[in-house]
Amino acid sequence: MSEHTFLVVMLSIDLIGLVVIGYMGFRVHQASQRIEGITAAVYLEACKVLGRSR
């Protein structure tokens, strides 16, 4: 295998890894946004039940 082929293969592996890590970061961000929304909804509902305003 020539040096050029080796470098192309290694660059391809690096790019695939970068895409996978980027996707995982995107999914974690989505999950954190969802959790933040649920937390806010629970807080507002608890305030309503307890008769307090924000």
Protein backbone atom coordinates (compact mmCIF):
# COMPACT_ATOMS: atom_id res chain seq x y z
CA MET A 1 0.00 0.00 0.00
CA SER A 2 1.44 3.35 -0.98
CA GLU A 3 1.83 6.22 1.43
CA HIS A 4 -0.85 8.20 -0.41
CA THR A 5 -3.40 5.39 -0.05
CA PHE A 6 -2.56 5.03 3.62
CA LEU A 7 -3.08 8.76 4.23
CA VAL A 8 -6.41 8.73 2.38
CA VAL A 9 -7.62 5.77 4.44
CA MET A 10 -6.52 7.38 7.72
CA LEU A 11 -8.19 10.68 6.78
CA SER A 12 -11.39 8.81 5.93
CA ILE A 13 -11.35 7.04 9.31
CA ASP A 14 -10.79 10.38 11.07
CA LEU A 15 -13.69 12.00 9.21
CA ILE A 16 -16.02 9.10 10.02
CA GLY A 17 -15.05 9.41 13.70
CA LEU A 18 -15.67 13.15 13.60
CA VAL A 19 -19.13 12.63 12.11
CA VAL A 20 -19.99 10.03 14.77
CA ILE A 21 -18.81 12.30 17.60
CA GLY A 22 -20.71 15.24 16.11
CA TYR A 23 -23.90 13.19 15.90
CA MET A 24 -23.52 12.03 19.49
CA GLY A 25 -23.05 15.63 20.62
CA PHE A 26 -26.16 16.64 18.69
CA ARG A 27 -28.21 13.89 20.36
CA VAL A 28 -26.96 14.89 23.83
CA HIS A 29 -27.90 18.50 23.09
CA GLN A 30 -31.40 17.45 22.01
CA ALA A 31 -31.85 15.37 25.15
CA SER A 32 -30.70 18.22 27.38
CA GLN A 33 -33.15 20.60 25.69
CA ARG A 34 -35.96 18.09 26.24
CA ILE A 35 -35.03 17.67 29.92
CA GLU A 36 -34.87 21.45 30.35
CA GLY A 37 -38.38 21.80 28.90
CA ILE A 38 -39.78 19.08 31.14
CA THR A 39 -38.15 20.66 34.20
CA ALA A 40 -39.64 24.07 33.38
CA ALA A 41 -43.10 22.56 32.85
CA VAL A 42 -42.94 20.69 36.17
CA TYR A 43 -41.80 23.84 37.98
CA LEU A 44 -44.64 25.93 36.54
CA GLU A 45 -47.19 23.23 37.35
CA ALA A 46 -45.89 22.96 40.92
CA CYS A 47 -46.14 26.74 41.34
CA LYS A 48 -49.70 26.64 40.04
CA VAL A 49 -50.66 23.83 42.42
CA LEU A 50 -49.04 25.55 45.38
CA GLY A 51 -50.79 28.81 44.50
CA ARG A 52 -47.64 30.84 43.96
CA SER A 53 -46.86 33.07 41.05
CA ARG A 54 -43.51 32.96 39.32
